[in-house]
Amino acid sequence: MKKNNDTLYWQNVQLYTQRRVWEWAVVGHLFNGYTITPWLVVLNICFTGLLVSWLMTYAGNIIKVVLFMTCIFFLSLSSSLLYMA
């Protein structure tokens, strides 16, 4: 896929679709028993992965450092508020 001219988003869709078809063929009944919470977690991780891939591709080094440090700050703040209460 590295020598392919498709966009990163299309390559991610292809990989995700291939994985889902493979799991459905092997496991079967893949989506039974799930509530809305795991779906929201999966969507959050998907969008986070797309954002990180976009940042690594198009953002400059200073922007990357500032964004990751801001992320670490808010992560530590939210975890301290969540676990101290």
C-alpha atoms as a PDB file:
ATOM      1  CA  MET A   1       0.000   0.000   0.000  1.00  0.00           C
ATOM      2  CA  LYS A   2       2.968   2.346   0.282  1.00  0.00           C
ATOM      3  CA  LYS A   3       3.372   2.726  -3.474  1.00  0.00           C
ATOM      4  CA  ASN A   4      -0.334   3.332  -3.893  1.00  0.00           C
ATOM      5  CA  ASN A   5      -1.617   6.831  -4.715  1.00  0.00           C
ATOM      6  CA  ASP A   6      -4.862   6.403  -2.749  1.00  0.00           C
ATOM      7  CA  THR A   7      -5.544   8.734   0.150  1.00  0.00           C
ATOM      8  CA  LEU A   8      -4.810   7.718   3.701  1.00  0.00           C
ATOM      9  CA  TYR A   9      -8.520   7.717   4.527  1.00  0.00           C
ATOM     10  CA  TRP A  10      -9.345   5.335   1.685  1.00  0.00           C
ATOM     11  CA  GLN A  11      -6.527   2.992   2.715  1.00  0.00           C
ATOM     12  CA  ASN A  12      -7.895   2.983   6.285  1.00  0.00           C
ATOM     13  CA  VAL A  13     -11.374   2.127   4.972  1.00  0.00           C
ATOM     14  CA  GLN A  14      -9.936  -0.738   2.941  1.00  0.00           C
ATOM     15  CA  LEU A  15      -8.018  -2.144   5.908  1.00  0.00           C
ATOM     16  CA  TYR A  16     -11.013  -1.820   8.222  1.00  0.00           C
ATOM     17  CA  THR A  17     -13.375  -3.464   5.738  1.00  0.00           C
ATOM     18  CA  GLN A  18     -10.982  -6.346   5.121  1.00  0.00           C
ATOM     19  CA  ARG A  19     -10.649  -6.911   8.873  1.00  0.00           C
ATOM     20  CA  ARG A  20     -14.427  -6.844   9.442  1.00  0.00           C
ATOM     21  CA  VAL A  21     -15.088  -9.322   6.629  1.00  0.00           C
ATOM     22  CA  TRP A  22     -12.383 -11.654   7.928  1.00  0.00           C
ATOM     23  CA  GLU A  23     -13.733 -11.533  11.495  1.00  0.00           C
ATOM     24  CA  TRP A  24     -17.284 -12.093  10.286  1.00  0.00           C
ATOM     25  CA  ALA A  25     -16.212 -15.107   8.239  1.00  0.00           C
ATOM     26  CA  VAL A  26     -14.197 -16.656  11.075  1.00  0.00           C
ATOM     27  CA  VAL A  27     -16.182 -15.724  14.173  1.00  0.00           C
ATOM     28  CA  GLY A  28     -19.705 -15.095  12.863  1.00  0.00           C
ATOM     29  CA  HIS A  29     -22.362 -13.152  14.750  1.00  0.00           C
ATOM     30  CA  LEU A  30     -19.780 -10.477  15.378  1.00  0.00           C
ATOM     31  CA  PHE A  31     -22.024  -7.668  16.563  1.00  0.00           C
ATOM     32  CA  ASN A  32     -24.384  -9.503  18.938  1.00  0.00           C
ATOM     33  CA  GLY A  33     -24.535  -8.266  22.532  1.00  0.00           C
ATOM     34  CA  TYR A  34     -22.890  -4.875  22.107  1.00  0.00           C
ATOM     35  CA  THR A  35     -24.363  -1.739  23.670  1.00  0.00           C
ATOM     36  CA  ILE A  36     -23.768   1.832  22.520  1.00  0.00           C
ATOM     37  CA  THR A  37     -20.712   2.296  24.787  1.00  0.00           C
ATOM     38  CA  PRO A  38     -18.287   0.025  22.871  1.00  0.00           C
ATOM     39  CA  TRP A  39     -19.415   1.599  19.609  1.00  0.00           C
ATOM     40  CA  LEU A  40     -18.619   5.059  20.952  1.00  0.00           C
ATOM     41  CA  VAL A  41     -15.208   3.869  22.158  1.00  0.00           C
ATOM     42  CA  VAL A  42     -14.428   2.378  18.747  1.00  0.00           C
ATOM     43  CA  LEU A  43     -15.534   5.543  16.936  1.00  0.00           C
ATOM     44  CA  ASN A  44     -13.439   7.655  19.285  1.00  0.00           C
ATOM     45  CA  ILE A  45     -10.356   5.524  18.643  1.00  0.00           C
ATOM     46  CA  CYS A  46     -10.965   5.598  14.874  1.00  0.00           C
ATOM     47  CA  PHE A  47     -11.223   9.369  14.736  1.00  0.00           C
ATOM     48  CA  THR A  48      -8.239   9.746  17.044  1.00  0.00           C
ATOM     49  CA  GLY A  49      -6.177   7.517  14.751  1.00  0.00           C
ATOM     50  CA  LEU A  50      -7.185   9.544  11.713  1.00  0.00           C
ATOM     51  CA  LEU A  51      -6.322  12.784  13.515  1.00  0.00           C
ATOM     52  CA  VAL A  52      -2.914  11.498  14.577  1.00  0.00           C
ATOM     53  CA  SER A  53      -2.154  10.246  11.072  1.00  0.00           C
ATOM     54  CA  TRP A  54      -3.121  13.621   9.639  1.00  0.00           C
ATOM     55  CA  LEU A  55      -0.965  15.417  12.199  1.00  0.00           C
ATOM     56  CA  MET A  56       2.045  13.230  11.489  1.00  0.00           C
ATOM     57  CA  THR A  57       1.648  13.832   7.765  1.00  0.00           C
ATOM     58  CA  TYR A  58       0.844  17.518   7.453  1.00  0.00           C
ATOM     59  CA  ALA A  59       1.700  19.333  10.672  1.00  0.00           C
ATOM     60  CA  GLY A  60       5.083  20.831  11.451  1.00  0.00           C
ATOM     61  CA  ASN A  61       7.280  19.656  14.303  1.00  0.00           C
ATOM     62  CA  ILE A  62       6.526  22.602  16.595  1.00  0.00           C
ATOM     63  CA  ILE A  63       2.773  22.147  16.155  1.00  0.00           C
ATOM     64  CA  LYS A  64       3.122  18.426  16.936  1.00  0.00           C
ATOM     65  CA  VAL A  65       5.018  19.113  20.157  1.00  0.00           C
ATOM     66  CA  VAL A  66       2.560  21.786  21.311  1.00  0.00           C
ATOM     67  CA  LEU A  67      -0.472  19.605  20.563  1.00  0.00           C
ATOM     68  CA  PHE A  68       0.946  16.532  22.278  1.00  0.00           C
ATOM     69  CA  MET A  69       1.965  18.529  25.351  1.00  0.00           C
ATOM     70  CA  THR A  70      -1.522  20.061  25.493  1.00  0.00           C
ATOM     71  CA  CYS A  71      -2.992  16.585  25.215  1.00  0.00           C
ATOM     72  CA  ILE A  72      -0.823  15.313  28.071  1.00  0.00           C
ATOM     73  CA  PHE A  73      -1.858  18.292  30.215  1.00  0.00           C
ATOM     74  CA  PHE A  74      -5.573  17.729  29.658  1.00  0.00           C
ATOM     75  CA  LEU A  75      -5.198  13.984  30.132  1.00  0.00           C
ATOM     76  CA  SER A  76      -3.485  14.438  33.484  1.00  0.00           C
ATOM     77  CA  LEU A  77      -6.017  17.077  34.532  1.00  0.00           C
ATOM     78  CA  SER A  78      -8.997  14.912  33.607  1.00  0.00           C
ATOM     79  CA  SER A  79      -7.546  11.800  35.254  1.00  0.00           C
ATOM     80  CA  SER A  80      -6.781  13.696  38.470  1.00  0.00           C
ATOM     81  CA  LEU A  81     -10.339  15.078  38.536  1.00  0.00           C
ATOM     82  CA  LEU A  82     -11.812  11.691  37.755  1.00  0.00           C
ATOM     83  CA  TYR A  83      -9.804   9.615  40.217  1.00  0.00           C
ATOM     84  CA  MET A  84      -9.593  12.111  43.073  1.00  0.00           C
ATOM     85  CA  ALA A  85     -13.371  12.383  43.366  1.00  0.00           C
END
